[in-house]
């Protein structure tokens, strides 16, 4: 039996949280700890929480309580992440059974006999190689925007970009074939460091990462920052996937959201990209029931969804966040009406997504195999979009050409991959 202390890290929320957890794990491993087979067997349990909306906060609390009940005698339970950062004192008072509630990164000190609470820079910590052929890579932390509904800048702070070399080193060390770049404001990368990164830093970064890995994917782009150079750089990576943070399309509501854009501008930009790259895939997210949303606003969004024919969409009911501009707005939308509108937009988008997937039947696509029987083309971001079912004998981490023979809602079924040629294309 091993004499080393063991740990279990539970991650909730967005891909950026997963990167933070990976870096915590890397530090715990470097400090001599080892992964536990389950939370019940761990000496240290870390819950990396999310606090973005009400549902996320509830999930975080439920998970903390569940893991507290599972932990063995003498095990330490630590809560970190966004919930701890934003509501640390309240959380510690409400959950006295938790040993430590602390901001980002503090749990790594628990390998010592009496932990202290240092300031730990998660953004630039090392992380272990990925167990999958892809990985999220966080290139910046924080956000300088003042969107009416978002509290993230209040606890994540202002934009803070990493150095290009630190990002490239991380991509190399991950030993992956697809790097998924993430940040709160991805296209703003480098604006806080004009002297050493300069204008257009995101374009330079994408081009340099593309020299290391087969695929580069960008998540969370503000449409106002999607310039021609960045579009060219994205298309040149071979992954023309555009994840645009739109949130809504009605001009009056966009002003109340403190956001840029409208339906016409968004449709024009999408059409221009499709004219340049017909195989481009598009994803976006929309908030339903923001204070002041009228039936006319909702109809405008429905019309946009029909016209845009996006591949993927996420829809979220508005969640009031204390301290945000929107929290003080009038004309709150009743919860039953929000639920009704959510059902309507989701039903419409489900039809569009299914039709776009059906259109791919008979097409030949290039797939990265993530695990036995599961792959993705450039159209599918990991964990949030559909997948492509491929023959189970094709080696993971292979990139192969397959033919789509069926569509099952958001997922596709493919055949035709040659296991021998797939192994020859293996990254290792």
Protein backbone atom coordinates (compact mmCIF):
# COMPACT_ATOMS: atom_id res chain seq x y z
CA UNK A 1 0.00 0.00 0.00
CA UNK A 2 1.31 3.42 -0.91
CA UNK A 3 2.34 5.75 1.93
CA UNK A 4 1.81 8.87 -0.17
CA UNK A 5 -1.19 11.10 0.45
CA UNK A 6 -3.86 10.88 -2.22
CA UNK A 7 -6.16 13.47 -3.73
CA UNK A 8 -9.39 13.78 -5.71
CA UNK A 9 -10.28 16.92 -7.67
CA UNK A 10 -13.91 17.49 -8.67
CA UNK A 11 -14.38 20.09 -11.42
CA UNK A 12 -17.58 21.99 -12.15
CA UNK A 13 -18.37 24.65 -14.72
CA UNK A 14 -16.66 25.76 -17.88
CA UNK A 15 -13.50 24.63 -19.73
CA UNK A 16 -11.52 27.41 -18.03
CA UNK A 17 -12.20 25.71 -14.70
CA UNK A 18 -10.94 22.42 -16.15
CA UNK A 19 -7.64 24.08 -17.01
CA UNK A 20 -7.36 25.38 -13.44
CA UNK A 21 -7.99 21.88 -12.11
CA UNK A 22 -5.37 20.41 -14.42
CA UNK A 23 -2.84 22.87 -13.03
CA UNK A 24 -3.82 22.08 -9.46
CA UNK A 25 -3.38 18.38 -10.23
CA UNK A 26 0.03 19.05 -11.75
CA UNK A 27 1.12 20.86 -8.60
CA UNK A 28 -0.25 18.18 -6.28
CA UNK A 29 1.60 15.51 -8.25
CA UNK A 30 4.80 17.57 -8.12
CA UNK A 31 4.38 17.81 -4.35
CA UNK A 32 4.42 14.03 -4.05
CA UNK A 33 0.72 13.24 -3.84
CA UNK A 34 -1.04 10.64 -5.98
CA UNK A 35 -4.53 10.45 -7.51
CA UNK A 36 -7.09 8.50 -5.53
CA UNK A 37 -9.25 5.93 -7.24
CA UNK A 38 -12.37 7.60 -5.85
CA UNK A 39 -13.29 10.48 -3.56
CA UNK A 40 -14.01 7.96 -0.80
CA UNK A 41 -10.36 6.92 -0.80
CA UNK A 42 -8.76 10.37 -0.97
CA UNK A 43 -6.87 12.14 1.81
CA UNK A 44 -7.62 15.45 0.14
CA UNK A 45 -10.78 16.34 -1.79
CA UNK A 46 -10.80 19.57 -3.78
CA UNK A 47 -14.02 20.94 -5.29
CA UNK A 48 -13.35 23.49 -8.03
CA UNK A 49 -16.66 25.32 -8.16
CA UNK A 50 -18.63 27.41 -10.62
CA UNK A 51 -20.69 30.49 -9.71
CA UNK A 52 -21.75 31.78 -13.12
CA UNK A 53 -25.53 31.40 -12.71
CA UNK A 54 -27.96 30.15 -10.06
CA UNK A 55 -28.03 26.60 -11.44
CA UNK A 56 -24.23 26.41 -11.35
CA UNK A 57 -24.11 27.64 -7.76
CA UNK A 58 -26.70 25.08 -6.70
CA UNK A 59 -24.78 22.28 -8.43
CA UNK A 60 -21.60 23.40 -6.67
CA UNK A 61 -23.26 23.37 -3.22
CA UNK A 62 -24.89 19.99 -3.86
CA UNK A 63 -21.54 18.54 -4.95
CA UNK A 64 -19.75 19.87 -1.87
CA UNK A 65 -22.37 18.32 0.42
CA UNK A 66 -22.26 15.00 -1.44
CA UNK A 67 -18.47 14.76 -1.29
CA UNK A 68 -18.43 15.74 2.39
CA UNK A 69 -20.64 12.75 3.09
CA UNK A 70 -18.41 10.45 1.03
CA UNK A 71 -15.03 11.43 2.44
CA UNK A 72 -13.17 9.08 4.76
CA UNK A 73 -12.29 9.93 8.35
CA UNK A 74 -9.43 12.40 8.50
CA UNK A 75 -9.71 13.51 4.87
CA UNK A 76 -9.57 17.23 4.17
CA UNK A 77 -12.24 18.93 2.07
CA UNK A 78 -11.31 22.13 0.26
CA UNK A 79 -13.57 24.37 -1.81
CA UNK A 80 -11.98 26.64 -4.39
CA UNK A 81 -12.90 28.20 -7.74
CA UNK A 82 -15.43 30.87 -8.58
CA UNK A 83 -17.88 30.17 -5.76
CA UNK A 84 -15.11 30.36 -3.18
CA UNK A 85 -13.65 33.48 -4.75
CA UNK A 86 -16.96 35.30 -4.88
CA UNK A 87 -18.71 34.09 -1.73
CA UNK A 88 -15.81 32.84 0.41
CA UNK A 89 -16.85 34.14 3.84
CA UNK A 90 -20.53 33.32 3.34
CA UNK A 91 -19.67 29.83 2.08
CA UNK A 92 -17.35 29.09 5.00
CA UNK A 93 -20.06 30.15 7.46
CA UNK A 94 -22.79 28.18 5.69
CA UNK A 95 -20.67 25.01 5.36
CA UNK A 96 -18.66 24.58 8.58
CA UNK A 97 -17.94 20.97 7.63
CA UNK A 98 -15.58 22.23 4.88
CA UNK A 99 -11.97 22.48 6.07
CA UNK A 100 -10.91 25.34 3.83
CA UNK A 101 -12.71 27.77 1.54
CA UNK A 102 -10.20 29.71 -0.48
CA UNK A 103 -9.64 31.42 -3.79
CA UNK A 104 -7.95 30.00 -6.83
CA UNK A 105 -5.11 27.62 -6.24
CA UNK A 106 -4.90 27.55 -2.45
CA UNK A 107 -5.52 23.78 -2.11
CA UNK A 108 -2.01 22.93 -3.28
CA UNK A 109 -0.72 24.03 0.11
CA UNK A 110 -2.54 21.19 1.83
CA UNK A 111 0.34 18.81 1.19
CA UNK A 112 2.02 20.55 4.13
CA UNK A 113 1.20 19.77 7.74
CA UNK A 114 -0.26 23.19 8.50
CA UNK A 115 -1.47 24.95 5.37
CA UNK A 116 -1.07 28.64 4.82
CA UNK A 117 -2.92 30.76 2.28
CA UNK A 118 -0.44 32.11 -0.26
CA UNK A 119 -1.17 33.92 -3.48
CA UNK A 120 -0.81 31.29 -6.19
CA UNK A 121 -0.74 32.14 -9.89
CA UNK A 122 -2.74 29.32 -11.47
CA UNK A 123 -2.53 30.87 -14.90
CA UNK A 124 1.16 30.10 -15.29
CA UNK A 125 1.45 26.84 -13.37
CA UNK A 126 2.61 23.75 -15.23
CA UNK A 127 0.19 20.90 -15.90
CA UNK A 128 0.61 17.22 -16.79
CA UNK A 129 0.36 15.82 -20.30
CA UNK A 130 -3.20 15.34 -21.50
CA UNK A 131 -4.76 11.89 -21.36
CA UNK A 132 -6.76 12.80 -24.47
CA UNK A 133 -5.55 13.93 -27.92
CA UNK A 134 -6.94 17.42 -27.20
CA UNK A 135 -6.84 19.87 -24.31
CA UNK A 136 -8.16 23.27 -23.29
CA UNK A 137 -5.43 25.89 -23.07
CA UNK A 138 -6.24 29.04 -21.11
CA UNK A 139 -4.39 31.98 -22.65
CA UNK A 140 -5.65 34.78 -20.40
CA UNK A 141 -7.57 35.42 -17.22
CA UNK A 142 -10.14 38.08 -16.35
CA UNK A 143 -12.13 40.48 -18.50
CA UNK A 144 -12.24 44.24 -19.10
CA UNK A 145 -15.78 44.33 -20.44
CA UNK A 146 -18.84 45.56 -18.55
CA UNK A 147 -21.65 43.37 -19.89
CA UNK A 148 -24.80 44.09 -17.93
CA UNK A 149 -25.46 40.51 -16.84
CA UNK A 150 -21.96 39.29 -15.97
CA UNK A 151 -20.21 39.31 -12.59
CA UNK A 152 -17.03 37.58 -13.74
CA UNK A 153 -14.85 40.74 -13.84
CA UNK A 154 -15.73 41.41 -10.20
CA UNK A 155 -13.98 38.25 -8.97
CA UNK A 156 -11.74 37.18 -11.86
CA UNK A 157 -10.36 40.68 -12.25
CA UNK A 158 -9.24 42.58 -15.33
CA UNK A 159 -7.73 41.04 -18.47
CA UNK A 160 -4.38 39.38 -17.79
CA UNK A 161 -2.68 37.75 -20.78
CA UNK A 162 0.00 35.12 -20.59
CA UNK A 163 3.21 35.34 -22.53
CA UNK A 164 3.18 33.64 -25.91
CA UNK A 165 6.17 31.48 -25.00
CA UNK A 166 4.51 30.15 -21.84
CA UNK A 167 1.45 29.15 -23.89
CA UNK A 168 3.55 27.47 -26.56
CA UNK A 169 5.53 25.57 -23.92
CA UNK A 170 2.28 24.35 -22.37
CA UNK A 171 0.93 23.19 -25.75
CA UNK A 172 4.14 21.24 -26.40
CA UNK A 173 4.11 19.63 -22.95
CA UNK A 174 0.47 18.56 -23.27
CA UNK A 175 1.40 16.24 -26.18
CA UNK A 176 -1.88 16.79 -28.01
CA UNK A 177 -3.14 17.04 -31.57
CA UNK A 178 -5.82 19.68 -30.94
CA UNK A 179 -5.39 22.77 -28.77
CA UNK A 180 -8.64 24.45 -27.72
CA UNK A 181 -7.81 28.04 -26.76
CA UNK A 182 -10.05 29.54 -24.08
CA UNK A 183 -10.33 32.78 -22.11
CA UNK A 184 -13.06 35.08 -20.85
CA UNK A 185 -12.31 37.39 -23.81
CA UNK A 186 -10.21 35.41 -26.24
CA UNK A 187 -9.77 37.97 -29.01
CA UNK A 188 -8.63 40.58 -26.46
CA UNK A 189 -5.50 38.53 -25.82
CA UNK A 190 -2.49 40.85 -25.47
CA UNK A 191 -4.32 44.15 -25.12
CA UNK A 192 -3.15 44.43 -21.53
CA UNK A 193 0.46 43.93 -22.69
CA UNK A 194 0.82 46.25 -25.70
CA UNK A 195 4.57 46.67 -25.28
CA UNK A 196 5.57 43.01 -25.54
CA UNK A 197 2.59 41.40 -27.31
CA UNK A 198 1.36 44.23 -29.53
CA UNK A 199 -1.75 44.64 -31.67
CA UNK A 200 -3.23 41.51 -33.21
CA UNK A 201 -1.54 39.26 -30.67
CA UNK A 202 -4.28 36.64 -30.95
CA UNK A 203 -3.56 36.19 -34.66
CA UNK A 204 0.15 35.67 -34.02
CA UNK A 205 -0.63 33.22 -31.23
CA UNK A 206 -3.03 31.16 -33.36
CA UNK A 207 -0.49 30.94 -36.17
CA UNK A 208 2.29 29.85 -33.82
CA UNK A 209 0.18 27.25 -32.01
CA UNK A 210 -0.85 25.88 -35.42
CA UNK A 211 2.81 25.07 -36.12
CA UNK A 212 2.87 22.75 -33.09
CA UNK A 213 -0.44 20.89 -33.29
CA UNK A 214 -2.66 19.61 -36.08
CA UNK A 215 -5.71 21.57 -34.96
CA UNK A 216 -6.33 24.89 -33.21
CA UNK A 217 -9.84 25.70 -32.02
CA UNK A 218 -10.98 29.00 -30.49
CA UNK A 219 -13.85 29.26 -28.02
CA UNK A 220 -15.69 32.43 -26.95
CA UNK A 221 -15.12 35.18 -29.52
CA UNK A 222 -16.82 38.57 -29.23
CA UNK A 223 -18.25 39.39 -32.67
CA UNK A 224 -16.96 42.98 -32.56
CA UNK A 225 -13.40 41.63 -32.45
CA UNK A 226 -13.72 39.13 -35.27
CA UNK A 227 -11.65 40.99 -37.83
CA UNK A 228 -10.46 39.84 -41.25
CA UNK A 229 -6.99 38.80 -40.06
CA UNK A 230 -8.42 36.66 -37.29
CA UNK A 231 -10.93 35.03 -39.65
CA UNK A 232 -8.10 34.24 -42.06
CA UNK A 233 -5.99 32.78 -39.24
CA UNK A 234 -8.84 30.58 -38.01
CA UNK A 235 -9.61 29.26 -41.49
CA UNK A 236 -5.92 28.58 -42.12
CA UNK A 237 -5.72 26.24 -39.12
CA UNK A 238 -8.07 23.79 -40.85
CA UNK A 239 -10.64 24.26 -38.08
CA UNK A 240 -13.07 26.90 -39.40
CA UNK A 241 -15.15 26.80 -36.23
CA UNK A 242 -16.55 30.12 -34.99
CA UNK A 243 -17.88 30.25 -31.45
CA UNK A 244 -19.43 33.71 -31.33
CA UNK A 245 -20.64 35.21 -28.06
CA UNK A 246 -23.81 36.94 -29.32
CA UNK A 247 -26.22 36.72 -26.31
CA UNK A 248 -29.14 38.36 -28.21
CA UNK A 249 -29.90 40.26 -31.41
CA UNK A 250 -32.59 42.86 -30.61
CA UNK A 251 -31.03 46.37 -30.58
CA UNK A 252 -33.02 47.72 -27.58
CA UNK A 253 -32.18 44.65 -25.52
CA UNK A 254 -28.54 44.65 -26.62
CA UNK A 255 -28.24 48.20 -25.32
CA UNK A 256 -29.67 47.12 -21.97
CA UNK A 257 -27.16 44.26 -21.98
CA UNK A 258 -24.35 46.73 -22.71
CA UNK A 259 -23.40 44.65 -25.72
CA UNK A 260 -22.38 45.39 -29.30
CA UNK A 261 -24.25 44.28 -32.40
CA UNK A 262 -27.63 43.37 -33.85
CA UNK A 263 -29.14 40.72 -36.09
CA UNK A 264 -28.17 42.42 -39.35
CA UNK A 265 -24.52 42.81 -38.39
CA UNK A 266 -24.28 39.26 -37.15
CA UNK A 267 -25.94 37.80 -40.24
CA UNK A 268 -23.66 39.82 -42.53
CA UNK A 269 -20.56 38.56 -40.74
CA UNK A 270 -21.73 34.93 -40.79
CA UNK A 271 -22.59 35.16 -44.50
CA UNK A 272 -19.19 36.67 -45.31
CA UNK A 273 -17.40 33.84 -43.48
CA UNK A 274 -19.49 31.20 -45.23
CA UNK A 275 -18.73 32.79 -48.60
CA UNK A 276 -15.04 32.50 -47.79
CA UNK A 277 -15.26 29.05 -46.16
CA UNK A 278 -18.44 27.10 -47.03
CA UNK A 279 -17.61 24.38 -44.49
CA UNK A 280 -17.39 26.83 -41.58
CA UNK A 281 -19.26 25.77 -38.45
CA UNK A 282 -20.90 28.23 -36.05
CA UNK A 283 -21.87 28.09 -32.39
CA UNK A 284 -23.35 30.76 -30.15
CA UNK A 285 -25.08 31.29 -26.80
CA UNK A 286 -28.13 33.38 -26.02
CA UNK A 287 -29.70 34.69 -22.82
CA UNK A 288 -33.47 34.37 -22.61
CA UNK A 289 -35.56 36.54 -20.29
CA UNK A 290 -33.09 39.38 -19.71
CA UNK A 291 -34.89 42.27 -17.90
CA UNK A 292 -37.00 44.17 -20.38
CA UNK A 293 -37.14 41.40 -23.01
CA UNK A 294 -40.40 41.88 -24.91
CA UNK A 295 -42.29 39.64 -27.27
CA UNK A 296 -40.86 41.71 -30.12
CA UNK A 297 -37.33 41.05 -28.82
CA UNK A 298 -38.07 37.35 -28.57
CA UNK A 299 -39.54 37.25 -32.07
CA UNK A 300 -36.42 39.00 -33.37
CA UNK A 301 -34.28 36.26 -31.84
CA UNK A 302 -36.45 33.53 -33.32
CA UNK A 303 -36.15 35.17 -36.72
CA UNK A 304 -32.38 35.38 -36.37
CA UNK A 305 -32.06 31.73 -35.39
CA UNK A 306 -34.07 30.75 -38.46
CA UNK A 307 -32.02 32.99 -40.76
CA UNK A 308 -28.59 32.23 -39.32
CA UNK A 309 -28.87 28.41 -39.44
CA UNK A 310 -26.14 28.01 -36.84
CA UNK A 311 -24.79 24.53 -36.25
CA UNK A 312 -24.98 24.74 -32.48
CA UNK A 313 -26.63 27.01 -29.92
CA UNK A 314 -26.83 27.16 -26.16
CA UNK A 315 -29.74 28.94 -24.47
CA UNK A 316 -29.80 30.05 -20.85
CA UNK A 317 -32.49 31.64 -18.76
CA UNK A 318 -31.36 34.97 -17.32
CA UNK A 319 -29.83 34.65 -13.86
CA UNK A 320 -29.73 37.77 -11.69
CA UNK A 321 -26.23 38.38 -10.37
CA UNK A 322 -25.72 40.65 -7.38
CA UNK A 323 -23.66 43.73 -8.13
CA UNK A 324 -24.24 43.69 -11.89
CA UNK A 325 -25.87 46.45 -13.89
CA UNK A 326 -28.79 44.18 -14.82
CA UNK A 327 -29.63 43.42 -11.19
CA UNK A 328 -31.13 46.90 -10.83
CA UNK A 329 -33.06 46.94 -14.11
CA UNK A 330 -36.83 47.02 -14.15
CA UNK A 331 -39.28 44.93 -16.18
CA UNK A 332 -38.20 41.50 -14.93
CA UNK A 333 -39.52 38.66 -17.10
CA UNK A 334 -41.66 36.16 -15.14
CA UNK A 335 -40.08 32.72 -14.74
CA UNK A 336 -42.91 30.83 -16.48
CA UNK A 337 -42.56 33.09 -19.52
CA UNK A 338 -38.78 32.58 -19.55
CA UNK A 339 -39.34 28.80 -19.52
CA UNK A 340 -41.84 29.09 -22.37
CA UNK A 341 -39.45 31.15 -24.48
CA UNK A 342 -36.57 28.79 -23.73
CA UNK A 343 -38.61 25.82 -24.92
CA UNK A 344 -39.48 27.65 -28.12
CA UNK A 345 -35.93 28.63 -29.10
CA UNK A 346 -34.54 25.24 -28.16
CA UNK A 347 -37.12 23.40 -30.26
CA UNK A 348 -36.34 25.59 -33.26
CA UNK A 349 -32.58 25.15 -32.92
CA UNK A 350 -32.88 21.39 -32.41
CA UNK A 351 -34.60 21.17 -35.79
CA UNK A 352 -31.90 23.29 -37.44
CA UNK A 353 -29.06 21.31 -35.86
CA UNK A 354 -30.64 18.01 -36.89
CA UNK A 355 -31.15 19.24 -40.46
CA UNK A 356 -27.56 20.46 -40.73
CA UNK A 357 -26.33 17.11 -39.48
CA UNK A 358 -28.55 15.27 -41.97
CA UNK A 359 -27.01 17.37 -44.74
CA UNK A 360 -23.64 15.77 -43.96
CA UNK A 361 -24.77 12.23 -44.81
CA UNK A 362 -22.61 11.03 -47.68
CA UNK A 363 -19.86 13.57 -47.02
CA UNK A 364 -16.24 12.61 -46.45
CA UNK A 365 -14.80 14.30 -43.37
CA UNK A 366 -11.51 14.27 -41.50
CA UNK A 367 -11.90 13.08 -37.92
CA UNK A 368 -9.70 13.21 -34.85
CA UNK A 369 -10.39 10.06 -32.81
CA UNK A 370 -10.71 11.04 -29.15
CA UNK A 371 -11.40 7.56 -27.75
CA UNK A 372 -12.37 4.14 -29.15
CA UNK A 373 -15.38 4.65 -31.40
CA UNK A 374 -15.63 8.42 -30.85
CA UNK A 375 -14.26 11.14 -33.10
CA UNK A 376 -14.78 14.77 -34.08
CA UNK A 377 -14.38 16.80 -37.24
CA UNK A 378 -13.73 20.54 -37.27
CA UNK A 379 -17.49 21.03 -36.73
CA UNK A 380 -17.57 19.56 -33.22
CA UNK A 381 -15.93 21.15 -30.21
CA UNK A 382 -15.12 18.63 -27.48
CA UNK A 383 -17.63 18.10 -24.68
CA UNK A 384 -20.19 20.66 -25.88
CA UNK A 385 -21.20 19.58 -29.40
CA UNK A 386 -22.17 16.27 -30.97
CA UNK A 387 -19.68 13.52 -31.86
CA UNK A 388 -18.97 11.23 -34.79
CA UNK A 389 -19.18 7.49 -34.16
CA UNK A 390 -16.30 5.76 -35.96
CA UNK A 391 -15.13 2.12 -36.11
CA UNK A 392 -13.87 1.06 -32.68
CA UNK A 393 -10.66 -0.41 -34.10
CA UNK A 394 -9.29 2.99 -35.13
CA UNK A 395 -6.59 4.04 -32.71
CA UNK A 396 -7.30 7.08 -30.49
CA UNK A 397 -5.27 10.18 -31.41
CA UNK A 398 -5.44 9.17 -35.08
CA UNK A 399 -6.67 11.59 -37.72
CA UNK A 400 -8.59 9.71 -40.41
CA UNK A 401 -10.93 10.31 -43.33
CA UNK A 402 -14.37 8.77 -42.94
CA UNK A 403 -17.69 8.85 -44.77
CA UNK A 404 -20.82 9.91 -42.91
CA UNK A 405 -23.56 7.29 -43.32
CA UNK A 406 -26.18 8.36 -40.77
CA UNK A 407 -27.22 11.11 -38.37
CA UNK A 408 -28.65 10.55 -34.89
CA UNK A 409 -29.82 13.98 -33.78
CA UNK A 410 -26.63 15.92 -32.97
CA UNK A 411 -24.38 12.89 -33.57
CA UNK A 412 -23.14 11.33 -36.79
CA UNK A 413 -22.22 7.77 -37.75
CA UNK A 414 -19.25 7.14 -40.04
CA UNK A 415 -17.57 4.26 -41.81
CA UNK A 416 -14.56 3.76 -44.02
CA UNK A 417 -11.63 4.49 -41.72
CA UNK A 418 -8.64 2.28 -42.42
CA UNK A 419 -7.15 1.17 -39.08
CA UNK A 420 -3.74 0.56 -40.67
CA UNK A 421 -3.49 4.01 -42.21
CA UNK A 422 -4.92 5.48 -39.00
CA UNK A 423 -2.13 3.96 -36.97
CA UNK A 424 0.41 5.34 -39.42
CA UNK A 425 -1.05 8.81 -38.78
CA UNK A 426 -0.86 8.39 -35.01
CA UNK A 427 0.80 11.33 -33.26
CA UNK A 428 3.09 9.04 -31.30
